[in-house]
């Protein structure tokens, strides 16, 4: 905040607005936009890795691995996302604390489960009680990333599995006839060709992921929705910068913001899909062939 903003009651007009927009809470609001973008950048490849692993597991010839892949996609897709977003961080947090408790406090005799309370020794708490605010926020962010990746990885696994099934079987059989091993067929023929079928579904999944980021608020992370509601609500004269209900304008700004991570990847994925479809035996590939002819 500027030195001229030390006494908000003496400000008016544009000076008041400039000082209001540079308060500490406003700066935290601006930083929360980076948190959302960082979540998208981190979750997208992690969820894709989960999905790729789940799809390959569901097609595995090893029965336990195949059932694990099918169970993962069916269970996560069949349970409401909100339940997983709430369950996964709690389960991971308590699981990690339980393992640390067993290692760091072997002489602890009190039960860990005491009614509705989960109590471990102070040394096993995560994050540690003396941890910095950055460490605490980072810990919560990592749990949120894992929760998002597990949920959207299951959807990605379903998309990728369907794309693999869409690759013409004749091409796989031709590769096998040339003496390729199953692993070589998968790496050199199946996976490269399945992307042209998977991209439309993955692009839709990206849009759903973007729309799910406001659920960060439910995981205890102060995201843009939290700060928009907090800062936009009516502030009486007991606050340094009193103002009427401005939530409409704050949330209007969020609407504009969310258009950027949807529109830009949409253009990129469209061009990538056209590039991958070239030469493929698909409707898009045939359309490109006719244009070229």
Protein backbone atom coordinates (compact mmCIF):
# COMPACT_ATOMS: atom_id res chain seq x y z
CA UNK A 1 0.00 0.00 0.00
CA UNK A 2 1.19 3.52 -0.79
CA UNK A 3 2.14 5.92 2.02
CA UNK A 4 -0.64 8.25 0.91
CA UNK A 5 -3.13 5.51 1.81
CA UNK A 6 -2.31 5.56 5.51
CA UNK A 7 -5.53 7.41 6.31
CA UNK A 8 -8.35 6.03 4.11
CA UNK A 9 -10.92 8.37 5.70
CA UNK A 10 -9.11 11.35 4.16
CA UNK A 11 -9.27 9.91 0.65
CA UNK A 12 -11.89 10.32 -2.03
CA UNK A 13 -12.49 9.67 -5.69
CA UNK A 14 -9.73 8.03 -7.73
CA UNK A 15 -7.22 8.16 -4.87
CA UNK A 16 -9.61 6.18 -2.67
CA UNK A 17 -10.10 3.56 -5.40
CA UNK A 18 -6.35 3.21 -6.04
CA UNK A 19 -5.67 2.73 -2.35
CA UNK A 20 -8.53 0.24 -2.06
CA UNK A 21 -7.23 -1.84 -4.98
CA UNK A 22 -3.72 -2.02 -3.43
CA UNK A 23 -4.61 -3.23 0.07
CA UNK A 24 -3.04 -6.43 1.37
CA UNK A 25 -6.25 -8.41 0.91
CA UNK A 26 -6.62 -7.16 -2.65
CA UNK A 27 -3.07 -8.31 -3.39
CA UNK A 28 -3.95 -11.73 -1.97
CA UNK A 29 -6.99 -11.72 -4.28
CA UNK A 30 -4.74 -11.06 -7.27
CA UNK A 31 -2.39 -13.81 -6.14
CA UNK A 32 -5.26 -16.29 -5.94
CA UNK A 33 -5.59 -16.06 -9.74
CA UNK A 34 -2.08 -17.49 -9.97
CA UNK A 35 -3.10 -20.29 -7.61
CA UNK A 36 -5.93 -21.31 -9.96
CA UNK A 37 -3.69 -21.16 -13.03
CA UNK A 38 -0.98 -23.15 -11.22
CA UNK A 39 -3.55 -25.76 -10.27
CA UNK A 40 -4.59 -26.14 -13.92
CA UNK A 41 -0.99 -26.35 -15.14
CA UNK A 42 -0.06 -29.00 -12.55
CA UNK A 43 -3.27 -31.06 -12.52
CA UNK A 44 -3.61 -31.39 -16.31
CA UNK A 45 -0.44 -33.50 -16.90
CA UNK A 46 -0.83 -35.40 -13.61
CA UNK A 47 -4.44 -36.30 -14.39
CA UNK A 48 -3.41 -37.29 -17.92
CA UNK A 49 -0.76 -39.59 -16.44
CA UNK A 50 -3.36 -41.12 -14.11
CA UNK A 51 -5.70 -41.56 -17.05
CA UNK A 52 -3.05 -43.07 -19.28
CA UNK A 53 -2.08 -45.54 -16.57
CA UNK A 54 -5.70 -46.41 -15.85
CA UNK A 55 -6.46 -47.00 -19.53
CA UNK A 56 -3.41 -49.23 -20.03
CA UNK A 57 -4.21 -51.11 -16.83
CA UNK A 58 -7.80 -51.71 -18.00
CA UNK A 59 -6.44 -53.25 -21.23
CA UNK A 60 -3.76 -55.32 -19.51
CA UNK A 61 -3.63 -59.06 -19.97
CA UNK A 62 -2.77 -59.45 -16.29
CA UNK A 63 -6.15 -59.98 -14.60
CA UNK A 64 -5.50 -58.20 -11.25
CA UNK A 65 -4.06 -55.17 -13.03
CA UNK A 66 -6.97 -55.13 -15.50
CA UNK A 67 -9.52 -55.25 -12.68
CA UNK A 68 -7.67 -52.49 -10.84
CA UNK A 69 -7.86 -50.24 -13.90
CA UNK A 70 -11.55 -50.97 -14.50
CA UNK A 71 -12.39 -50.52 -10.81
CA UNK A 72 -10.58 -47.18 -10.69
CA UNK A 73 -12.43 -45.71 -13.65
CA UNK A 74 -15.81 -47.13 -12.63
CA UNK A 75 -15.57 -46.14 -8.96
CA UNK A 76 -14.39 -42.56 -9.46
CA UNK A 77 -16.75 -41.89 -12.37
CA UNK A 78 -19.71 -43.29 -10.44
CA UNK A 79 -19.21 -41.26 -7.25
CA UNK A 80 -19.99 -37.52 -7.09
CA UNK A 81 -16.88 -35.42 -7.54
CA UNK A 82 -17.53 -33.39 -4.40
CA UNK A 83 -17.29 -36.51 -2.25
CA UNK A 84 -13.88 -37.36 -3.65
CA UNK A 85 -12.68 -33.77 -3.34
CA UNK A 86 -13.54 -33.92 0.36
CA UNK A 87 -12.54 -37.54 1.02
CA UNK A 88 -9.12 -37.71 -0.67
CA UNK A 89 -7.43 -34.81 1.20
CA UNK A 90 -8.79 -36.02 4.54
CA UNK A 91 -7.78 -39.64 3.89
CA UNK A 92 -4.29 -38.65 2.69
CA UNK A 93 -3.75 -36.24 5.54
CA UNK A 94 -4.78 -38.73 8.22
CA UNK A 95 -2.89 -41.56 6.52
CA UNK A 96 0.35 -39.59 6.45
CA UNK A 97 -0.08 -38.43 10.02
CA UNK A 98 -0.79 -42.02 11.14
CA UNK A 99 2.42 -43.33 9.54
CA UNK A 100 4.46 -40.48 11.00
CA UNK A 101 2.87 -41.14 14.39
CA UNK A 102 3.93 -44.79 14.32
CA UNK A 103 7.51 -43.88 13.41
CA UNK A 104 8.06 -40.74 15.50
CA UNK A 105 6.02 -41.63 18.58
CA UNK A 106 6.35 -45.39 19.23
CA UNK A 107 5.78 -44.93 22.98
CA UNK A 108 2.42 -43.17 22.54
CA UNK A 109 -0.21 -45.18 24.41
CA UNK A 110 -3.38 -43.09 23.96
CA UNK A 111 -5.75 -44.23 21.21
CA UNK A 112 -5.58 -42.25 17.97
CA UNK A 113 -9.31 -42.50 17.40
CA UNK A 114 -11.11 -40.86 20.28
CA UNK A 115 -14.75 -40.57 19.30
CA UNK A 116 -14.91 -38.22 16.32
CA UNK A 117 -11.39 -36.92 16.92
CA UNK A 118 -8.21 -38.07 15.17
CA UNK A 119 -5.37 -37.36 17.59
CA UNK A 120 -1.68 -38.01 16.90
CA UNK A 121 1.39 -36.83 18.76
CA UNK A 122 2.46 -33.22 18.07
CA UNK A 123 5.58 -34.35 16.18
CA UNK A 124 3.43 -36.24 13.65
CA UNK A 125 1.12 -33.36 12.77
CA UNK A 126 1.03 -32.24 9.15
CA UNK A 127 1.80 -29.55 8.47
CA UNK A 128 3.90 -29.00 11.64
CA UNK A 129 2.44 -26.53 14.10
CA UNK A 130 5.47 -24.26 13.72
CA UNK A 131 5.45 -24.39 9.92
CA UNK A 132 5.45 -21.18 7.92
CA UNK A 133 2.22 -20.02 6.23
CA UNK A 134 3.77 -20.82 2.84
CA UNK A 135 4.45 -24.41 3.92
CA UNK A 136 0.89 -24.82 5.22
CA UNK A 137 -0.64 -23.44 2.02
CA UNK A 138 1.67 -25.57 -0.13
CA UNK A 139 0.67 -28.70 1.80
CA UNK A 140 -3.02 -27.99 1.23
CA UNK A 141 -2.35 -27.24 -2.43
CA UNK A 142 -0.57 -30.58 -2.96
CA UNK A 143 -3.51 -32.45 -1.39
CA UNK A 144 -5.87 -30.56 -3.70
CA UNK A 145 -3.76 -31.46 -6.74
CA UNK A 146 -3.88 -35.15 -5.82
CA UNK A 147 -7.66 -35.03 -5.30
CA UNK A 148 -8.23 -33.31 -8.66
CA UNK A 149 -5.80 -35.66 -10.43
CA UNK A 150 -7.49 -38.80 -9.12
CA UNK A 151 -10.96 -37.62 -10.12
CA UNK A 152 -10.12 -36.24 -13.54
CA UNK A 153 -7.63 -39.03 -14.19
CA UNK A 154 -10.54 -41.48 -14.09
CA UNK A 155 -12.42 -39.47 -16.70
CA UNK A 156 -9.25 -39.21 -18.81
CA UNK A 157 -8.78 -42.99 -18.53
CA UNK A 158 -12.26 -43.53 -19.94
CA UNK A 159 -11.58 -41.13 -22.84
CA UNK A 160 -8.20 -42.68 -23.63
CA UNK A 161 -9.55 -46.22 -23.36
CA UNK A 162 -12.32 -45.36 -25.84
CA UNK A 163 -9.79 -43.76 -28.18
CA UNK A 164 -7.63 -46.88 -28.10
CA UNK A 165 -10.65 -49.01 -28.96
CA UNK A 166 -11.38 -46.70 -31.89
CA UNK A 167 -8.05 -47.42 -33.60
CA UNK A 168 -8.81 -49.84 -36.47
CA UNK A 169 -7.99 -53.38 -35.44
CA UNK A 170 -6.66 -54.10 -38.93
CA UNK A 171 -3.72 -51.76 -38.34
CA UNK A 172 -2.80 -53.53 -35.13
CA UNK A 173 -3.03 -56.91 -36.84
CA UNK A 174 -0.82 -55.66 -39.66
CA UNK A 175 1.83 -54.59 -37.16
CA UNK A 176 1.62 -58.00 -35.48
CA UNK A 177 1.99 -59.68 -38.89
CA UNK A 178 5.26 -57.79 -39.39
CA UNK A 179 6.58 -59.41 -36.21
CA UNK A 180 6.07 -56.60 -33.71
CA UNK A 181 5.68 -57.59 -30.09
CA UNK A 182 2.54 -56.47 -28.18
CA UNK A 183 4.60 -53.77 -26.51
CA UNK A 184 5.88 -52.48 -29.84
CA UNK A 185 2.38 -52.49 -31.31
CA UNK A 186 1.18 -50.48 -28.35
CA UNK A 187 4.01 -47.93 -28.47
CA UNK A 188 4.44 -47.52 -32.23
CA UNK A 189 0.92 -48.00 -33.60
CA UNK A 190 -1.81 -47.88 -30.96
CA UNK A 191 -0.73 -44.93 -28.81
CA UNK A 192 0.33 -42.56 -31.66
CA UNK A 193 -2.94 -43.12 -33.53
CA UNK A 194 -5.29 -42.99 -30.57
CA UNK A 195 -4.56 -39.30 -29.88
CA UNK A 196 -6.64 -38.14 -32.85
CA UNK A 197 -9.65 -39.90 -31.30
CA UNK A 198 -8.87 -38.80 -27.73
CA UNK A 199 -8.32 -35.07 -28.23
CA UNK A 200 -12.02 -34.06 -28.53
CA UNK A 201 -12.86 -35.84 -25.28
CA UNK A 202 -9.77 -34.50 -23.52
CA UNK A 203 -10.61 -30.95 -24.61
CA UNK A 204 -14.06 -31.31 -23.05
CA UNK A 205 -12.42 -32.67 -19.91
CA UNK A 206 -10.20 -29.59 -19.78
CA UNK A 207 -13.28 -27.39 -19.77
CA UNK A 208 -14.80 -29.41 -16.94
CA UNK A 209 -11.54 -29.14 -14.97
CA UNK A 210 -11.58 -25.36 -15.32
CA UNK A 211 -15.16 -25.17 -14.08
CA UNK A 212 -14.26 -27.37 -11.11
CA UNK A 213 -11.51 -25.07 -9.78
CA UNK A 214 -13.95 -23.11 -7.55
CA UNK A 215 -14.15 -26.30 -5.47
CA UNK A 216 -10.75 -25.28 -4.07
CA UNK A 217 -12.73 -23.23 -1.58
CA UNK A 218 -14.20 -26.46 -0.16
CA UNK A 219 -10.68 -27.78 0.43
CA UNK A 220 -9.76 -24.84 2.62
CA UNK A 221 -7.77 -22.97 -0.03
CA UNK A 222 -8.42 -19.25 -0.34
CA UNK A 223 -9.08 -19.15 -4.06
CA UNK A 224 -10.55 -16.43 -6.27
CA UNK A 225 -14.13 -17.34 -5.38
CA UNK A 226 -13.38 -17.02 -1.67
CA UNK A 227 -11.76 -13.62 -2.05
CA UNK A 228 -14.41 -12.34 -4.48
CA UNK A 229 -17.12 -13.13 -1.96
CA UNK A 230 -15.06 -11.83 0.96
CA UNK A 231 -14.00 -8.53 -0.65
CA UNK A 232 -17.19 -7.89 -2.57
CA UNK A 233 -19.53 -8.21 0.40
CA UNK A 234 -20.84 -5.05 2.04
CA UNK A 235 -18.26 -3.35 4.27
CA UNK A 236 -19.54 -1.02 6.96
CA UNK A 237 -17.78 2.02 8.35
CA UNK A 238 -15.86 -0.09 10.86
CA UNK A 239 -13.62 -1.19 7.94
CA UNK A 240 -10.85 0.97 6.49
CA UNK A 241 -12.51 1.05 3.06
CA UNK A 242 -16.30 0.84 3.51
CA UNK A 243 -18.35 0.13 0.39
CA UNK A 244 -21.75 -1.29 -0.64
CA UNK A 245 -22.29 -4.80 -2.02
CA UNK A 246 -19.83 -5.14 -4.91
CA UNK A 247 -20.04 -8.92 -5.33
CA UNK A 248 -21.70 -8.52 -8.73
CA UNK A 249 -18.64 -6.72 -10.09
CA UNK A 250 -16.17 -9.11 -8.50
CA UNK A 251 -17.91 -12.17 -9.92
CA UNK A 252 -18.29 -10.45 -13.29
CA UNK A 253 -14.51 -10.15 -13.30
CA UNK A 254 -14.26 -13.89 -12.58
CA UNK A 255 -16.51 -14.61 -15.56
CA UNK A 256 -14.14 -12.70 -17.83
CA UNK A 257 -11.12 -14.41 -16.30
CA UNK A 258 -12.49 -17.93 -16.86
CA UNK A 259 -12.98 -17.21 -20.56
CA UNK A 260 -9.20 -17.01 -21.08
CA UNK A 261 -8.19 -20.56 -19.97
CA UNK A 262 -11.10 -21.94 -21.99
CA UNK A 263 -10.73 -20.04 -25.25
CA UNK A 264 -6.95 -20.19 -25.67
CA UNK A 265 -6.59 -23.99 -25.18
CA UNK A 266 -9.63 -24.48 -27.41
CA UNK A 267 -7.81 -22.84 -30.32
CA UNK A 268 -4.59 -24.78 -29.60
CA UNK A 269 -6.38 -28.13 -29.33
CA UNK A 270 -8.30 -27.46 -32.53
CA UNK A 271 -5.10 -26.91 -34.48
CA UNK A 272 -3.42 -29.90 -32.85
CA UNK A 273 -6.42 -32.09 -33.64
CA UNK A 274 -6.30 -31.02 -37.31
CA UNK A 275 -2.59 -31.79 -37.45
CA UNK A 276 -3.02 -35.25 -35.92
CA UNK A 277 -6.01 -36.04 -38.16
CA UNK A 278 -4.00 -35.52 -41.33
CA UNK A 279 -3.61 -38.87 -43.08
CA UNK A 280 -5.83 -40.71 -40.60
CA UNK A 281 -8.86 -42.80 -41.59
CA UNK A 282 -11.27 -40.52 -39.74
CA UNK A 283 -13.91 -38.01 -40.81
CA UNK A 284 -11.56 -35.14 -40.05
CA UNK A 285 -8.73 -36.87 -41.91
CA UNK A 286 -10.91 -37.50 -44.94
CA UNK A 287 -12.03 -33.87 -44.94
CA UNK A 288 -8.41 -32.69 -44.92
CA UNK A 289 -7.55 -35.14 -47.72
CA UNK A 290 -10.37 -33.83 -49.91
CA UNK A 291 -9.32 -30.23 -49.28
CA UNK A 292 -5.77 -31.10 -50.26
CA UNK A 293 -6.97 -32.89 -53.37
